[in-house]
Amino acid sequence: MKNLKIFPKDWLRLHPYMQSTPIDSYYTDIANRIYGFMERTSLINSFESEEVIQICIRMAAYFEDVISGTGIWRAFILANKELYGKYLPFYTPDDHYYDDEVNLEDVRFLLWHYTQQYHGYRKGTFVNPDNPANESTAMLIYDLFCDEWTTAPENPRMRALFDKETRYEEEQAYDRLLSWFHYDSYLLPESKRELNDFIQERLREESDLTRKQMDNLFMNSFGALAYTSETCLLGLTSPQWLARVLPEDHPDHEIFRRNAEESVATLPEDMREENRRQYEAFRKAAGDKLLLYFHNADDARVFITETSGLVPADKFRLPEDWKGRKLAIYATPEEGAQAIIRDVEVIKDENNPFYKAEIAAKKALSFFIVKHCSVYLMDELMKRGMLADARTKSLISEERGKAIIQDNWRFLARYFIREYPVR
């Protein structure tokens, strides 16, 4: 192939081994052909050069995963089906969808995912799943996978990761697998960026660290985030994903299950009790109203410290970001009393004096992209139609633009906010 853009060294960065074989060369060639498709459809113009390489090798790695039966992709679509009754968000598979083969809808979703994680992240925008360039590129990639389906080689080294013969009784073996999955598997392109963002934030807070202290900070953060970070895919931690990928009859499945459970943080009982107390105090003061609205922070302070007694006056400090804003106060049994300080105008509530339909049509989507409120409240808002204006632009129809958000809001909340209600 002339004008190669992607080389085996690029491909190996997504693999838990360092030596290339002819099988790796085959999939590197697949990645280069995908690169050509992105050039043909001009999708390449939406990305920086390294991002294009990443998208191409990650799409090829998806193909390798399905061909080799590694089980990573299958774990995702089965988890999504378990949660939402369908294999994928956004796209409705036809009768020819198979959970152990390549599918056009899989390719379309992954292209949306990578476009969101690279282009969407840089631009601070929500990428429309119906983007025409993504769709045309996905069709070319899918046709390539279909053409190669019968001759594409399995990768035994990847398949062996989750074979019964590969054991993880030793903590170091599990930690190596976890680090690879979290930072280098094709599903999670955001993990390295988020590690870097976390380190940079810590360095801004502690600018006088020695070189040794910085090295320790990196190593500790590297391990801790791999273990506890909620990933954008369904908000699950990487240990939770590994427990789903590893077959249940694997002799070390109990180790994976236990790590999955321990990777999820839980509130201490005293904090849970305080949250329940605040909820009951709010409900007593608010009656049957889900939210209470305030024109300014001082009015909210009076309600919080005097009217409801949510917080004693001597313990309440008015947050800086409340000043000069319209507010909504609410409470849930799980998270206690909370405030909404952004985009209060989009909440379609007969009690909301600030609601404006024209603003809601443009900005209600923000509730699912940036955390505005508890996901427990979001669940109630959706049940009551209070975010019914949320939509994205669609070239197909206004109804499709609404359906993308309204039918997939739980997935979006997990994807962007990394939280989900657990009652």
Protein backbone atom coordinates (compact mmCIF):
# COMPACT_ATOMS: atom_id res chain seq x y z
CA MET A 1 0.00 0.00 0.00
CA LYS A 2 1.34 3.42 -0.95
CA ASN A 3 1.40 6.45 1.32
CA LEU A 4 1.02 4.55 4.57
CA LYS A 5 -0.21 6.73 7.41
CA ILE A 6 -0.37 4.09 10.13
CA PHE A 7 2.40 1.68 11.11
CA PRO A 8 2.66 -1.43 13.33
CA LYS A 9 4.07 0.68 16.16
CA ASP A 10 0.84 2.70 16.14
CA TRP A 11 -1.24 -0.47 16.19
CA LEU A 12 0.75 -2.00 19.05
CA ARG A 13 -0.09 0.95 21.31
CA LEU A 14 -3.57 -0.56 21.74
CA HIS A 15 -2.26 -4.00 22.64
CA PRO A 16 -0.86 -5.59 25.80
CA TYR A 17 2.26 -6.88 24.04
CA MET A 18 5.21 -5.31 22.25
CA GLN A 19 6.23 -7.65 19.41
CA SER A 20 4.44 -7.40 16.07
CA THR A 21 3.37 -10.44 14.06
CA PRO A 22 1.84 -10.87 10.58
CA ILE A 23 -1.58 -10.72 12.23
CA ASP A 24 -0.77 -7.26 13.58
CA SER A 25 0.40 -6.24 10.11
CA TYR A 26 -2.93 -7.39 8.69
CA TYR A 27 -4.93 -5.20 11.05
CA THR A 28 -2.54 -2.30 10.52
CA ASP A 29 -3.39 -2.57 6.84
CA ILE A 30 -7.11 -2.50 7.73
CA ALA A 31 -6.50 0.69 9.72
CA ASN A 32 -4.76 2.29 6.73
CA ARG A 33 -7.68 1.45 4.48
CA ILE A 34 -10.03 3.06 6.98
CA TYR A 35 -7.79 6.13 6.87
CA GLY A 36 -8.38 6.24 3.12
CA PHE A 37 -12.15 6.14 3.65
CA MET A 38 -11.96 9.08 6.03
CA GLU A 39 -10.06 11.01 3.38
CA ARG A 40 -12.63 10.10 0.72
CA THR A 41 -15.61 11.31 2.78
CA SER A 42 -13.74 14.34 4.18
CA LEU A 43 -14.49 13.18 7.73
CA ILE A 44 -10.75 13.48 8.28
CA ASN A 45 -11.11 17.27 8.26
CA SER A 46 -12.89 17.21 11.63
CA PHE A 47 -9.85 15.87 13.47
CA GLU A 48 -6.23 16.51 14.26
CA SER A 49 -3.73 14.12 12.64
CA GLU A 50 -3.13 11.96 15.74
CA GLU A 51 -6.87 11.72 16.35
CA VAL A 52 -7.39 10.33 12.85
CA ILE A 53 -4.78 7.64 13.49
CA GLN A 54 -6.44 6.77 16.77
CA ILE A 55 -9.87 6.45 15.20
CA CYS A 56 -8.57 4.22 12.41
CA ILE A 57 -6.68 1.81 14.67
CA ARG A 58 -9.54 1.70 17.16
CA MET A 59 -12.03 0.84 14.43
CA ALA A 60 -9.67 -1.89 13.24
CA ALA A 61 -9.31 -3.12 16.83
CA TYR A 62 -13.09 -3.45 17.06
CA PHE A 63 -12.94 -5.69 13.98
CA GLU A 64 -10.10 -7.69 15.53
CA ASP A 65 -12.09 -8.06 18.76
CA VAL A 66 -15.15 -9.48 16.97
CA ILE A 67 -13.08 -11.74 14.71
CA SER A 68 -11.00 -13.06 17.61
CA GLY A 69 -13.89 -13.47 20.03
CA THR A 70 -12.15 -11.41 22.70
CA GLY A 71 -15.56 -10.36 24.00
CA ILE A 72 -15.01 -6.69 24.78
CA TRP A 73 -17.52 -5.31 22.30
CA ARG A 74 -20.02 -8.06 23.04
CA ALA A 75 -19.87 -7.15 26.74
CA PHE A 76 -20.84 -3.57 25.89
CA ILE A 77 -23.80 -4.33 23.63
CA LEU A 78 -25.14 -6.97 26.02
CA ALA A 79 -24.84 -4.56 28.95
CA ASN A 80 -26.69 -1.87 26.99
CA LYS A 81 -29.41 -4.38 26.08
CA GLU A 82 -29.69 -5.46 29.71
CA LEU A 83 -30.17 -1.86 30.81
CA TYR A 84 -32.27 -0.43 27.99
CA GLY A 85 -33.69 -3.35 26.03
CA LYS A 86 -31.65 -2.66 22.90
CA TYR A 87 -28.10 -3.32 21.79
CA LEU A 88 -27.18 0.28 21.01
CA PRO A 89 -28.31 3.85 21.62
CA PHE A 90 -29.41 6.05 18.69
CA TYR A 91 -29.52 3.31 16.05
CA THR A 92 -32.21 0.64 15.66
CA PRO A 93 -30.68 -2.60 14.37
CA ASP A 94 -32.67 -4.57 11.81
CA ASP A 95 -33.45 -8.28 11.91
CA HIS A 96 -29.95 -9.07 10.66
CA TYR A 97 -28.12 -7.78 13.73
CA TYR A 98 -25.89 -10.43 15.34
CA ASP A 99 -24.17 -9.92 18.68
CA ASP A 100 -21.12 -11.94 17.64
CA GLU A 101 -20.54 -10.42 14.19
CA VAL A 102 -19.77 -6.98 12.76
CA ASN A 103 -22.83 -4.80 12.20
CA LEU A 104 -23.33 -1.48 10.45
CA GLU A 105 -24.95 -0.05 13.57
CA ASP A 106 -21.87 -0.99 15.63
CA VAL A 107 -19.61 0.87 13.22
CA ARG A 108 -21.90 3.90 13.19
CA PHE A 109 -22.02 4.02 16.98
CA LEU A 110 -18.25 3.67 17.37
CA LEU A 111 -17.64 6.45 14.85
CA TRP A 112 -20.05 8.65 16.80
CA HIS A 113 -18.26 7.70 20.04
CA TYR A 114 -14.80 8.55 18.71
CA THR A 115 -16.04 11.75 17.06
CA GLN A 116 -17.59 12.79 20.37
CA GLN A 117 -14.45 11.98 22.36
CA TYR A 118 -12.11 13.86 20.02
CA HIS A 119 -13.93 16.51 17.97
CA GLY A 120 -16.82 16.93 20.41
CA TYR A 121 -14.51 17.27 23.39
CA ARG A 122 -12.32 19.88 21.72
CA LYS A 123 -15.27 21.91 20.48
CA GLY A 124 -17.34 21.48 23.63
CA THR A 125 -20.30 20.25 21.62
CA PHE A 126 -22.67 17.31 21.29
CA VAL A 127 -22.03 15.38 18.08
CA ASN A 128 -25.19 14.49 16.21
CA PRO A 129 -25.42 10.71 15.74
CA ASP A 130 -26.90 11.34 12.27
CA ASN A 131 -23.86 13.27 11.04
CA PRO A 132 -23.79 12.56 7.25
CA ALA A 133 -19.99 12.24 7.00
CA ASN A 134 -19.99 9.72 9.83
CA GLU A 135 -22.76 7.73 8.18
CA SER A 136 -21.10 7.54 4.77
CA THR A 137 -17.74 6.64 6.33
CA ALA A 138 -19.38 3.96 8.47
CA MET A 139 -20.91 2.34 5.40
CA LEU A 140 -17.52 2.15 3.69
CA ILE A 141 -15.90 0.66 6.80
CA TYR A 142 -18.72 -1.85 7.21
CA ASP A 143 -18.42 -2.96 3.59
CA LEU A 144 -14.69 -3.48 4.15
CA PHE A 145 -15.34 -5.62 7.22
CA CYS A 146 -17.90 -7.70 5.31
CA ASP A 147 -15.44 -8.26 2.46
CA GLU A 148 -12.73 -9.34 4.91
CA TRP A 149 -14.98 -11.35 7.24
CA THR A 150 -14.13 -14.84 5.96
CA THR A 151 -10.38 -14.28 5.65
CA ALA A 152 -9.56 -11.99 8.60
CA PRO A 153 -7.27 -13.84 11.04
CA GLU A 154 -8.03 -14.34 14.71
CA ASN A 155 -5.47 -12.87 17.07
CA PRO A 156 -4.66 -15.67 19.54
CA ARG A 157 -2.78 -13.34 21.86
CA MET A 158 -5.87 -11.16 22.32
CA ARG A 159 -8.21 -14.12 22.61
CA ALA A 160 -5.97 -15.61 25.31
CA LEU A 161 -6.50 -12.60 27.59
CA PHE A 162 -9.79 -14.05 28.83
CA ASP A 163 -9.19 -17.78 28.27
CA LYS A 164 -9.57 -20.10 31.24
CA GLU A 165 -5.88 -20.98 30.96
CA THR A 166 -4.87 -17.37 31.58
CA ARG A 167 -4.96 -16.84 35.32
CA TYR A 168 -5.23 -13.70 37.42
CA GLU A 169 -4.84 -14.98 40.99
CA GLU A 170 -1.80 -12.74 41.42
CA GLU A 171 -2.68 -9.11 42.01
CA GLN A 172 -0.01 -7.88 39.61
CA ALA A 173 -1.47 -9.89 36.75
CA TYR A 174 -4.91 -8.38 37.31
CA ASP A 175 -3.46 -4.87 37.66
CA ARG A 176 -1.60 -5.21 34.34
CA LEU A 177 -4.79 -6.27 32.58
CA LEU A 178 -6.76 -3.48 34.23
CA SER A 179 -4.22 -0.81 33.26
CA TRP A 180 -4.18 -1.99 29.66
CA PHE A 181 -7.97 -2.12 29.44
CA HIS A 182 -8.52 1.29 31.00
CA TYR A 183 -5.80 3.23 29.19
CA ASP A 184 -5.14 1.34 25.96
CA SER A 185 -8.15 -0.72 24.90
CA TYR A 186 -9.98 0.60 21.85
CA LEU A 187 -13.21 1.32 23.73
CA LEU A 188 -11.94 4.06 26.07
CA PRO A 189 -10.07 6.79 24.18
CA GLU A 190 -10.84 9.33 26.91
CA SER A 191 -8.93 7.64 29.75
CA LYS A 192 -5.44 8.94 29.04
CA ARG A 193 -6.74 12.46 28.50
CA GLU A 194 -8.62 12.35 31.79
CA LEU A 195 -5.53 11.07 33.61
CA ASN A 196 -3.53 13.97 32.19
CA ASP A 197 -6.26 16.47 33.14
CA PHE A 198 -6.33 15.09 36.68
CA ILE A 199 -2.54 15.32 37.05
CA GLN A 200 -2.46 18.87 35.68
CA GLU A 201 -5.17 19.97 38.10
CA ARG A 202 -3.27 18.50 41.03
CA LEU A 203 -0.06 20.21 39.91
CA ARG A 204 -1.86 23.55 39.77
CA GLU A 205 -2.97 22.99 43.35
CA GLU A 206 0.49 21.84 44.50
CA SER A 207 2.98 23.66 42.29
CA ASP A 208 5.98 23.12 44.58
CA LEU A 209 6.22 19.31 44.28
CA THR A 210 9.64 17.73 43.85
CA ARG A 211 10.35 15.47 40.89
CA LYS A 212 9.99 12.40 43.09
CA GLN A 213 6.68 13.65 44.45
CA MET A 214 5.42 14.26 40.90
CA ASP A 215 6.44 10.74 39.89
CA ASN A 216 4.59 9.34 42.90
CA LEU A 217 1.57 11.47 42.07
CA PHE A 218 1.51 10.08 38.55
CA MET A 219 1.89 6.45 39.58
CA ASN A 220 -0.71 6.68 42.35
CA SER A 221 -3.17 8.48 40.07
CA PHE A 222 -2.52 6.04 37.23
CA GLY A 223 -3.54 3.10 39.37
CA ALA A 224 -6.36 4.77 41.29
CA LEU A 225 -8.14 6.18 38.25
CA ALA A 226 -7.93 2.88 36.40
CA TYR A 227 -9.64 1.26 39.35
CA THR A 228 -12.29 3.82 40.30
CA SER A 229 -13.01 6.09 37.31
CA GLU A 230 -16.45 5.82 35.79
CA THR A 231 -15.97 5.36 32.06
CA CYS A 232 -18.08 7.18 29.49
CA LEU A 233 -19.61 3.90 28.33
CA LEU A 234 -22.56 3.31 30.66
CA GLY A 235 -20.75 4.98 33.54
CA LEU A 236 -19.22 1.66 34.59
CA THR A 237 -15.71 1.40 36.04
CA SER A 238 -13.10 -0.62 34.20
CA PRO A 239 -13.19 -3.36 36.88
CA GLN A 240 -16.95 -3.57 36.26
CA TRP A 241 -16.30 -3.95 32.53
CA LEU A 242 -13.65 -6.62 33.03
CA ALA A 243 -16.05 -8.62 35.20
CA ARG A 244 -18.50 -8.54 32.29
CA VAL A 245 -15.90 -9.47 29.67
CA LEU A 246 -14.42 -12.37 31.61
CA PRO A 247 -16.57 -15.51 31.14
CA GLU A 248 -18.49 -16.45 34.29
CA ASP A 249 -17.00 -19.95 34.22
CA HIS A 250 -13.43 -18.58 34.32
CA PRO A 251 -11.70 -19.83 37.50
CA ASP A 252 -10.81 -16.25 38.50
CA HIS A 253 -14.22 -14.72 37.88
CA GLU A 254 -14.80 -14.23 41.61
CA ILE A 255 -11.68 -12.03 41.78
CA PHE A 256 -13.02 -9.89 38.94
CA ARG A 257 -16.49 -9.69 40.50
CA ARG A 258 -15.10 -8.63 43.88
CA ASN A 259 -12.89 -5.95 42.31
CA ALA A 260 -15.88 -4.70 40.35
CA GLU A 261 -17.94 -4.27 43.52
CA GLU A 262 -15.11 -2.59 45.42
CA SER A 263 -14.42 -0.13 42.59
CA VAL A 264 -17.72 1.66 43.18
CA ALA A 265 -17.72 4.29 45.94
CA THR A 266 -20.50 4.28 48.52
CA LEU A 267 -21.60 6.97 50.99
CA PRO A 268 -21.00 6.43 54.71
CA GLU A 269 -24.19 5.74 56.65
CA ASP A 270 -24.02 9.02 58.58
CA MET A 271 -24.04 10.97 55.30
CA ARG A 272 -26.94 8.90 54.02
CA GLU A 273 -28.87 9.64 57.17
CA GLU A 274 -28.21 13.38 56.86
CA ASN A 275 -29.36 13.31 53.21
CA ARG A 276 -32.58 11.58 54.24
CA ARG A 277 -33.12 14.18 56.98
CA GLN A 278 -32.66 17.02 54.49
CA TYR A 279 -35.06 15.37 52.07
CA GLU A 280 -37.76 15.05 54.72
CA ALA A 281 -37.26 18.67 55.80
CA PHE A 282 -37.52 19.86 52.20
CA ARG A 283 -40.67 17.83 51.52
CA LYS A 284 -42.33 19.23 54.64
CA ALA A 285 -41.60 22.78 53.48
CA ALA A 286 -42.25 22.26 49.74
CA GLY A 287 -45.42 20.22 49.91
CA ASP A 288 -46.19 18.53 46.60
CA LYS A 289 -43.76 20.67 44.58
CA LEU A 290 -40.76 18.89 43.11
CA LEU A 291 -38.67 22.09 42.99
CA LEU A 292 -38.85 25.53 44.51
CA TYR A 293 -37.66 28.54 42.51
CA PHE A 294 -35.91 31.66 43.77
CA HIS A 295 -35.10 34.95 42.07
CA ASN A 296 -31.81 35.35 43.90
CA ALA A 297 -29.41 33.69 46.31
CA ASP A 298 -30.56 35.67 49.34
CA ASP A 299 -34.12 34.37 48.96
CA ALA A 300 -32.73 30.85 48.67
CA ARG A 301 -30.64 31.37 51.79
CA VAL A 302 -33.71 32.37 53.81
CA PHE A 303 -35.53 29.23 52.69
CA ILE A 304 -32.56 26.96 53.43
CA THR A 305 -31.70 28.33 56.86
CA GLU A 306 -35.04 29.61 58.22
CA THR A 307 -38.14 28.41 56.35
CA SER A 308 -37.12 24.76 55.99
CA GLY A 309 -34.24 24.42 58.45
CA LEU A 310 -32.29 22.39 55.89
CA VAL A 311 -29.03 23.85 57.16
CA PRO A 312 -28.50 25.79 60.40
CA ALA A 313 -27.77 29.47 59.74
CA ASP A 314 -24.40 29.31 61.52
CA LYS A 315 -23.25 26.48 59.25
CA PHE A 316 -24.47 27.84 55.92
CA ARG A 317 -22.08 29.69 53.63
CA LEU A 318 -23.48 31.24 50.48
CA PRO A 319 -21.56 29.73 47.53
CA GLU A 320 -19.96 32.28 45.22
CA ASP A 321 -21.49 30.77 42.10
CA TRP A 322 -25.01 31.31 43.48
CA LYS A 323 -24.70 35.07 43.44
CA GLY A 324 -26.59 36.88 40.71
CA ARG A 325 -28.39 33.73 39.54
CA LYS A 326 -31.91 32.43 39.46
CA LEU A 327 -32.09 29.21 41.47
CA ALA A 328 -34.11 26.07 41.92
CA ILE A 329 -33.87 24.07 45.15
CA TYR A 330 -34.83 20.40 45.42
CA ALA A 331 -34.01 17.35 47.51
CA THR A 332 -33.72 13.60 46.99
CA PRO A 333 -33.45 10.88 49.65
CA GLU A 334 -30.13 9.77 48.16
CA GLU A 335 -28.34 13.10 47.87
CA GLY A 336 -30.16 15.46 50.19
CA ALA A 337 -30.86 19.10 49.34
CA GLN A 338 -29.33 20.45 46.14
CA ALA A 339 -29.51 23.57 43.99
CA ILE A 340 -29.79 24.06 40.23
CA ILE A 341 -27.94 27.24 39.28
CA ARG A 342 -27.72 26.90 35.49
CA ASP A 343 -30.39 26.87 32.80
CA VAL A 344 -33.30 27.03 35.24
CA GLU A 345 -35.28 28.57 32.34
CA VAL A 346 -35.47 25.22 30.52
CA ILE A 347 -37.42 23.35 33.23
CA LYS A 348 -40.97 23.00 31.92
CA ASP A 349 -42.78 23.29 35.24
CA GLU A 350 -46.03 25.16 35.81
CA ASN A 351 -44.49 26.46 39.04
CA ASN A 352 -41.36 27.75 37.30
CA PRO A 353 -41.67 31.51 36.75
CA PHE A 354 -38.47 31.53 34.68
CA TYR A 355 -39.43 28.93 32.04
CA LYS A 356 -39.02 30.10 28.45
CA ALA A 357 -39.88 27.66 25.65
CA GLU A 358 -37.56 29.27 23.11
CA ILE A 359 -34.60 28.98 25.49
CA ALA A 360 -35.56 25.43 26.45
CA ALA A 361 -35.58 24.33 22.79
CA LYS A 362 -31.97 25.48 22.47
CA LYS A 363 -30.51 24.63 25.88
CA ALA A 364 -32.45 21.79 27.54
CA LEU A 365 -29.96 19.33 26.03
CA SER A 366 -27.36 20.77 28.41
CA PHE A 367 -28.92 18.90 31.36
CA PHE A 368 -27.69 15.61 29.87
CA ILE A 369 -24.23 16.85 28.85
CA VAL A 370 -23.07 18.82 31.89
CA LYS A 371 -24.21 18.03 35.41
CA HIS A 372 -26.95 20.45 36.44
CA CYS A 373 -28.66 18.31 39.04
CA SER A 374 -28.78 14.92 40.70
CA VAL A 375 -29.48 12.03 38.33
CA TYR A 376 -32.23 11.04 40.78
CA LEU A 377 -33.93 14.36 40.13
CA MET A 378 -33.28 14.03 36.40
CA ASP A 379 -35.24 10.80 36.47
CA GLU A 380 -38.19 12.66 38.01
CA LEU A 381 -37.87 15.56 35.58
CA MET A 382 -38.11 13.16 32.64
CA LYS A 383 -41.06 11.25 34.09
CA ARG A 384 -42.95 14.52 34.51
CA GLY A 385 -42.06 15.91 31.07
CA MET A 386 -40.10 18.80 32.56
CA LEU A 387 -37.27 18.38 30.06
CA ALA A 388 -39.53 17.57 27.12
CA ASP A 389 -37.95 20.37 25.06
CA ALA A 390 -34.53 18.68 25.00
CA ARG A 391 -33.45 17.95 21.43
CA THR A 392 -30.57 18.10 19.02
CA LYS A 393 -30.57 19.30 15.42
CA SER A 394 -31.36 16.64 12.86
CA LEU A 395 -31.32 16.73 9.08
CA ILE A 396 -33.95 13.99 9.11
CA SER A 397 -36.70 15.72 11.07
CA GLU A 398 -37.44 17.68 14.22
CA GLU A 399 -39.02 14.53 15.65
CA ARG A 400 -35.79 12.61 15.09
CA GLY A 401 -33.84 15.38 16.81
CA LYS A 402 -36.08 15.04 19.85
CA ALA A 403 -36.01 11.24 19.82
CA ILE A 404 -32.20 11.13 19.86
CA ILE A 405 -32.30 12.79 23.28
CA GLN A 406 -35.63 11.72 24.74
CA ASP A 407 -35.21 8.03 23.86
CA ASN A 408 -31.56 7.84 24.92
CA TRP A 409 -31.31 10.26 27.84
CA ARG A 410 -30.28 7.60 30.35
CA PHE A 411 -27.41 6.54 28.11
CA LEU A 412 -26.40 10.18 27.61
CA ALA A 413 -26.42 10.88 31.36
CA ARG A 414 -24.13 7.91 31.93
CA TYR A 415 -21.94 8.89 28.98
CA PHE A 416 -21.39 12.54 29.82
CA ILE A 417 -22.13 12.87 33.54
CA ARG A 418 -20.89 9.37 34.46
CA GLU A 419 -23.69 8.90 36.96
CA TYR A 420 -26.86 6.86 37.09
CA PRO A 421 -29.63 6.42 39.63
CA VAL A 422 -29.32 3.40 41.90
CA ARG A 423 -32.21 3.21 44.34
